[in-house]
C-alpha atoms as a PDB file:
ATOM      1  CA  UNK A   1       0.054  -0.054   0.073  1.00  0.00           C
ATOM      2  CA  UNK A   2       1.585   3.292  -0.971  1.00  0.00           C
ATOM      3  CA  UNK A   3       0.585   6.829  -0.133  1.00  0.00           C
ATOM      4  CA  UNK A   4       1.079   8.317  -3.521  1.00  0.00           C
ATOM      5  CA  UNK A   5      -1.907   5.979  -5.044  1.00  0.00           C
ATOM      6  CA  UNK A   6      -4.086   7.780  -3.091  1.00  0.00           C
ATOM      7  CA  UNK A   7      -2.661  10.945  -2.825  1.00  0.00           C
ATOM      8  CA  UNK A   8      -4.271  13.272  -5.949  1.00  0.00           C
ATOM      9  CA  UNK A   9      -2.445  16.446  -7.189  1.00  0.00           C
ATOM     10  CA  UNK A  10      -5.373  18.403  -6.688  1.00  0.00           C
ATOM     11  CA  UNK A  11      -5.250  17.016  -2.915  1.00  0.00           C
ATOM     12  CA  UNK A  12      -1.973  19.017  -2.135  1.00  0.00           C
ATOM     13  CA  UNK A  13      -2.098  22.142  -0.698  1.00  0.00           C
ATOM     14  CA  UNK A  14       0.840  24.606  -0.982  1.00  0.00           C
ATOM     15  CA  UNK A  15      -1.011  28.027   0.562  1.00  0.00           C
ATOM     16  CA  UNK A  16      -2.507  26.648   3.575  1.00  0.00           C
ATOM     17  CA  UNK A  17      -2.400  29.764   6.407  1.00  0.00           C
ATOM     18  CA  UNK A  18      -0.101  29.205   9.347  1.00  0.00           C
ATOM     19  CA  UNK A  19      -1.608  29.359  12.816  1.00  0.00           C
ATOM     20  CA  UNK A  20      -2.506  26.812  15.621  1.00  0.00           C
ATOM     21  CA  UNK A  21      -3.565  23.542  15.157  1.00  0.00           C
ATOM     22  CA  UNK A  22      -7.175  23.869  15.100  1.00  0.00           C
ATOM     23  CA  UNK A  23      -6.670  26.967  12.975  1.00  0.00           C
ATOM     24  CA  UNK A  24      -4.849  24.923  10.293  1.00  0.00           C
ATOM     25  CA  UNK A  25      -7.167  22.138  10.348  1.00  0.00           C
ATOM     26  CA  UNK A  26     -10.207  24.578  10.021  1.00  0.00           C
ATOM     27  CA  UNK A  27      -8.357  25.726   7.016  1.00  0.00           C
ATOM     28  CA  UNK A  28      -7.094  22.512   5.499  1.00  0.00           C
ATOM     29  CA  UNK A  29     -10.806  21.084   6.177  1.00  0.00           C
ATOM     30  CA  UNK A  30     -12.390  24.231   4.386  1.00  0.00           C
ATOM     31  CA  UNK A  31      -9.694  23.875   1.801  1.00  0.00           C
ATOM     32  CA  UNK A  32     -10.972  20.195   0.594  1.00  0.00           C
ATOM     33  CA  UNK A  33     -14.234  21.309   1.098  1.00  0.00           C
ATOM     34  CA  UNK A  34     -13.925  24.094  -1.619  1.00  0.00           C
ATOM     35  CA  UNK A  35     -12.504  21.826  -3.925  1.00  0.00           C
ATOM     36  CA  UNK A  36     -15.620  19.306  -3.709  1.00  0.00           C
ATOM     37  CA  UNK A  37     -13.644  16.315  -1.847  1.00  0.00           C
ATOM     38  CA  UNK A  38     -15.541  16.554   1.296  1.00  0.00           C
ATOM     39  CA  UNK A  39     -19.374  17.604   1.857  1.00  0.00           C
ATOM     40  CA  UNK A  40     -19.437  17.154   5.550  1.00  0.00           C
ATOM     41  CA  UNK A  41     -16.784  19.541   6.452  1.00  0.00           C
ATOM     42  CA  UNK A  42     -18.104  20.594  10.322  1.00  0.00           C
ATOM     43  CA  UNK A  43     -18.301  16.936  11.038  1.00  0.00           C
ATOM     44  CA  UNK A  44     -15.078  15.824   9.721  1.00  0.00           C
ATOM     45  CA  UNK A  45     -13.514  18.506  11.557  1.00  0.00           C
ATOM     46  CA  UNK A  46     -14.750  17.408  14.708  1.00  0.00           C
ATOM     47  CA  UNK A  47     -13.720  13.754  14.475  1.00  0.00           C
ATOM     48  CA  UNK A  48     -10.386  15.653  13.355  1.00  0.00           C
ATOM     49  CA  UNK A  49     -10.101  17.687  16.606  1.00  0.00           C
ATOM     50  CA  UNK A  50     -11.625  14.619  18.925  1.00  0.00           C
ATOM     51  CA  UNK A  51      -8.512  12.768  17.657  1.00  0.00           C
ATOM     52  CA  UNK A  52      -6.177  15.499  18.346  1.00  0.00           C
ATOM     53  CA  UNK A  53      -7.558  15.294  21.715  1.00  0.00           C
ATOM     54  CA  UNK A  54      -6.234  12.065  22.402  1.00  0.00           C
ATOM     55  CA  UNK A  55      -2.775  12.717  21.748  1.00  0.00           C
ATOM     56  CA  UNK A  56      -1.308  14.623  19.131  1.00  0.00           C
ATOM     57  CA  UNK A  57      -0.860  13.034  15.411  1.00  0.00           C
ATOM     58  CA  UNK A  58       2.289  15.252  15.438  1.00  0.00           C
ATOM     59  CA  UNK A  59       5.259  12.807  14.432  1.00  0.00           C
ATOM     60  CA  UNK A  60       8.894  13.571  14.602  1.00  0.00           C
ATOM     61  CA  UNK A  61      10.851  15.022  11.797  1.00  0.00           C
ATOM     62  CA  UNK A  62       8.298  17.747  10.771  1.00  0.00           C
ATOM     63  CA  UNK A  63       5.333  15.864   9.713  1.00  0.00           C
ATOM     64  CA  UNK A  64       1.965  15.328  11.363  1.00  0.00           C
ATOM     65  CA  UNK A  65      -0.721  13.022  10.334  1.00  0.00           C
ATOM     66  CA  UNK A  66      -4.264  14.070  11.376  1.00  0.00           C
ATOM     67  CA  UNK A  67      -6.736  11.311  10.765  1.00  0.00           C
ATOM     68  CA  UNK A  68     -10.124  10.419  11.351  1.00  0.00           C
ATOM     69  CA  UNK A  69     -12.680   7.631  10.515  1.00  0.00           C
ATOM     70  CA  UNK A  70     -16.028   9.065   9.148  1.00  0.00           C
ATOM     71  CA  UNK A  71     -19.296   7.023   8.984  1.00  0.00           C
ATOM     72  CA  UNK A  72     -20.442   6.659   5.106  1.00  0.00           C
ATOM     73  CA  UNK A  73     -17.468   8.034   3.419  1.00  0.00           C
ATOM     74  CA  UNK A  74     -17.070   6.688  -0.030  1.00  0.00           C
ATOM     75  CA  UNK A  75     -13.589   6.494  -0.788  1.00  0.00           C
ATOM     76  CA  UNK A  76     -10.572   7.049   1.360  1.00  0.00           C
ATOM     77  CA  UNK A  77      -9.160  10.746   1.208  1.00  0.00           C
ATOM     78  CA  UNK A  78      -5.584  11.208   1.264  1.00  0.00           C
ATOM     79  CA  UNK A  79      -4.314  15.135   1.403  1.00  0.00           C
ATOM     80  CA  UNK A  80      -1.435  16.833   2.044  1.00  0.00           C
ATOM     81  CA  UNK A  81      -0.535  20.439   2.846  1.00  0.00           C
ATOM     82  CA  UNK A  82       3.021  21.983   3.135  1.00  0.00           C
ATOM     83  CA  UNK A  83       2.998  24.652   5.443  1.00  0.00           C
ATOM     84  CA  UNK A  84       6.633  26.315   4.662  1.00  0.00           C
ATOM     85  CA  UNK A  85       7.387  28.321   7.820  1.00  0.00           C
ATOM     86  CA  UNK A  86       6.124  25.242   9.839  1.00  0.00           C
ATOM     87  CA  UNK A  87       3.693  25.257  12.946  1.00  0.00           C
ATOM     88  CA  UNK A  88       3.335  24.201  16.462  1.00  0.00           C
ATOM     89  CA  UNK A  89       1.514  20.936  16.379  1.00  0.00           C
ATOM     90  CA  UNK A  90       2.696  19.409  19.716  1.00  0.00           C
ATOM     91  CA  UNK A  91       4.949  17.003  17.609  1.00  0.00           C
ATOM     92  CA  UNK A  92       6.268  14.107  19.827  1.00  0.00           C
ATOM     93  CA  UNK A  93       9.898  15.540  18.849  1.00  0.00           C
ATOM     94  CA  UNK A  94       8.382  19.339  19.876  1.00  0.00           C
ATOM     95  CA  UNK A  95       9.885  20.531  16.608  1.00  0.00           C
ATOM     96  CA  UNK A  96       7.968  22.495  14.182  1.00  0.00           C
ATOM     97  CA  UNK A  97       5.695  20.698  11.410  1.00  0.00           C
ATOM     98  CA  UNK A  98       5.744  21.665   8.381  1.00  0.00           C
ATOM     99  CA  UNK A  99       3.826  18.521   6.444  1.00  0.00           C
ATOM    100  CA  UNK A 100       0.475  17.496   7.213  1.00  0.00           C
ATOM    101  CA  UNK A 101      -0.820  14.397   5.757  1.00  0.00           C
ATOM    102  CA  UNK A 102      -4.497  13.988   6.303  1.00  0.00           C
ATOM    103  CA  UNK A 103      -6.316  10.578   6.108  1.00  0.00           C
ATOM    104  CA  UNK A 104     -10.175  10.198   6.492  1.00  0.00           C
ATOM    105  CA  UNK A 105     -11.072   6.697   6.121  1.00  0.00           C
ATOM    106  CA  UNK A 106     -14.759   4.913   6.393  1.00  0.00           C
ATOM    107  CA  UNK A 107     -15.474   4.442  10.122  1.00  0.00           C
ATOM    108  CA  UNK A 108     -16.530   0.214   8.908  1.00  0.00           C
ATOM    109  CA  UNK A 109     -13.281   0.002   7.204  1.00  0.00           C
ATOM    110  CA  UNK A 110     -11.014   0.954  10.213  1.00  0.00           C
ATOM    111  CA  UNK A 111      -7.952  -1.390   8.602  1.00  0.00           C
ATOM    112  CA  UNK A 112      -7.132   0.641   5.447  1.00  0.00           C
ATOM    113  CA  UNK A 113      -6.415   3.732   7.550  1.00  0.00           C
ATOM    114  CA  UNK A 114      -3.981   1.584  10.161  1.00  0.00           C
ATOM    115  CA  UNK A 115      -2.159   0.058   7.090  1.00  0.00           C
ATOM    116  CA  UNK A 116      -1.782   3.688   5.485  1.00  0.00           C
ATOM    117  CA  UNK A 117      -0.737   4.878   9.083  1.00  0.00           C
ATOM    118  CA  UNK A 118       1.918   1.854   9.785  1.00  0.00           C
ATOM    119  CA  UNK A 119       3.101   2.737   6.423  1.00  0.00           C
ATOM    120  CA  UNK A 120       3.937   6.330   6.707  1.00  0.00           C
ATOM    121  CA  UNK A 121       5.271   5.684   9.977  1.00  0.00           C
ATOM    122  CA  UNK A 122       7.608   3.627   8.402  1.00  0.00           C
ATOM    123  CA  UNK A 123       8.358   5.947   5.453  1.00  0.00           C
ATOM    124  CA  UNK A 124       9.304   9.044   8.205  1.00  0.00           C
ATOM    125  CA  UNK A 125      11.878   6.142   9.983  1.00  0.00           C
ATOM    126  CA  UNK A 126      13.627   5.004   6.570  1.00  0.00           C
ATOM    127  CA  UNK A 127      13.588   7.745   4.249  1.00  0.00           C
ATOM    128  CA  UNK A 128      14.166  11.649   4.049  1.00  0.00           C
ATOM    129  CA  UNK A 129      11.054  12.059   2.002  1.00  0.00           C
ATOM    130  CA  UNK A 130       9.901  14.792   4.893  1.00  0.00           C
ATOM    131  CA  UNK A 131      13.236  16.915   4.302  1.00  0.00           C
ATOM    132  CA  UNK A 132      12.899  16.514   0.600  1.00  0.00           C
ATOM    133  CA  UNK A 133       9.104  17.531   0.170  1.00  0.00           C
ATOM    134  CA  UNK A 134       9.864  20.604   2.132  1.00  0.00           C
ATOM    135  CA  UNK A 135      11.611  22.025  -0.400  1.00  0.00           C
ATOM    136  CA  UNK A 136       9.298  21.349  -3.165  1.00  0.00           C
ATOM    137  CA  UNK A 137       8.041  23.940  -5.335  1.00  0.00           C
ATOM    138  CA  UNK A 138       4.766  22.488  -7.032  1.00  0.00           C
ATOM    139  CA  UNK A 139       2.241  19.654  -6.275  1.00  0.00           C
ATOM    140  CA  UNK A 140       3.627  17.315  -8.767  1.00  0.00           C
ATOM    141  CA  UNK A 141       7.110  17.946  -7.086  1.00  0.00           C
ATOM    142  CA  UNK A 142       5.850  16.602  -4.180  1.00  0.00           C
ATOM    143  CA  UNK A 143       4.023  13.627  -5.763  1.00  0.00           C
ATOM    144  CA  UNK A 144       7.130  12.486  -7.623  1.00  0.00           C
ATOM    145  CA  UNK A 145       9.007  12.765  -4.403  1.00  0.00           C
ATOM    146  CA  UNK A 146       6.431  10.731  -2.461  1.00  0.00           C
ATOM    147  CA  UNK A 147       6.260   8.226  -5.091  1.00  0.00           C
ATOM    148  CA  UNK A 148      10.416   8.154  -5.116  1.00  0.00           C
ATOM    149  CA  UNK A 149      10.993   7.620  -1.768  1.00  0.00           C
ATOM    150  CA  UNK A 150       8.119   5.222  -1.320  1.00  0.00           C
ATOM    151  CA  UNK A 151       9.822   2.559  -3.944  1.00  0.00           C
ATOM    152  CA  UNK A 152      13.008   3.158  -1.565  1.00  0.00           C
ATOM    153  CA  UNK A 153      11.011   1.130   1.117  1.00  0.00           C
END
């Protein structure tokens, strides 16, 4: 299972407004809704925030993976936001977060999301994709870097 197979170029945002964690998630969900990728923005935001209240999804090396299981979602959604200046996402290493890789899965099929989360954690540990994506200029660059790095694990 590879992230690049589910991350479409129009799901990549380079202009997400920085702020605190809640503000960034609000802007991310709003951007997804504006593109027509989701319809229940309020419910999705509530689920993402509920998950964050259990513990930050900020990993190490500058990436966070907020995720939620949503009832009756048609297909899993994988989206990525690059925040060039970084934000405080309360990451485990207490360093700024530059990449937010958002996952939305079907509540009736949690296994898919768990596999994807495991794969992402492995990529963070075994590749330099976070550092490379931080320097990317276009969604196409990000997608290509992700694809290339996934081939290395």
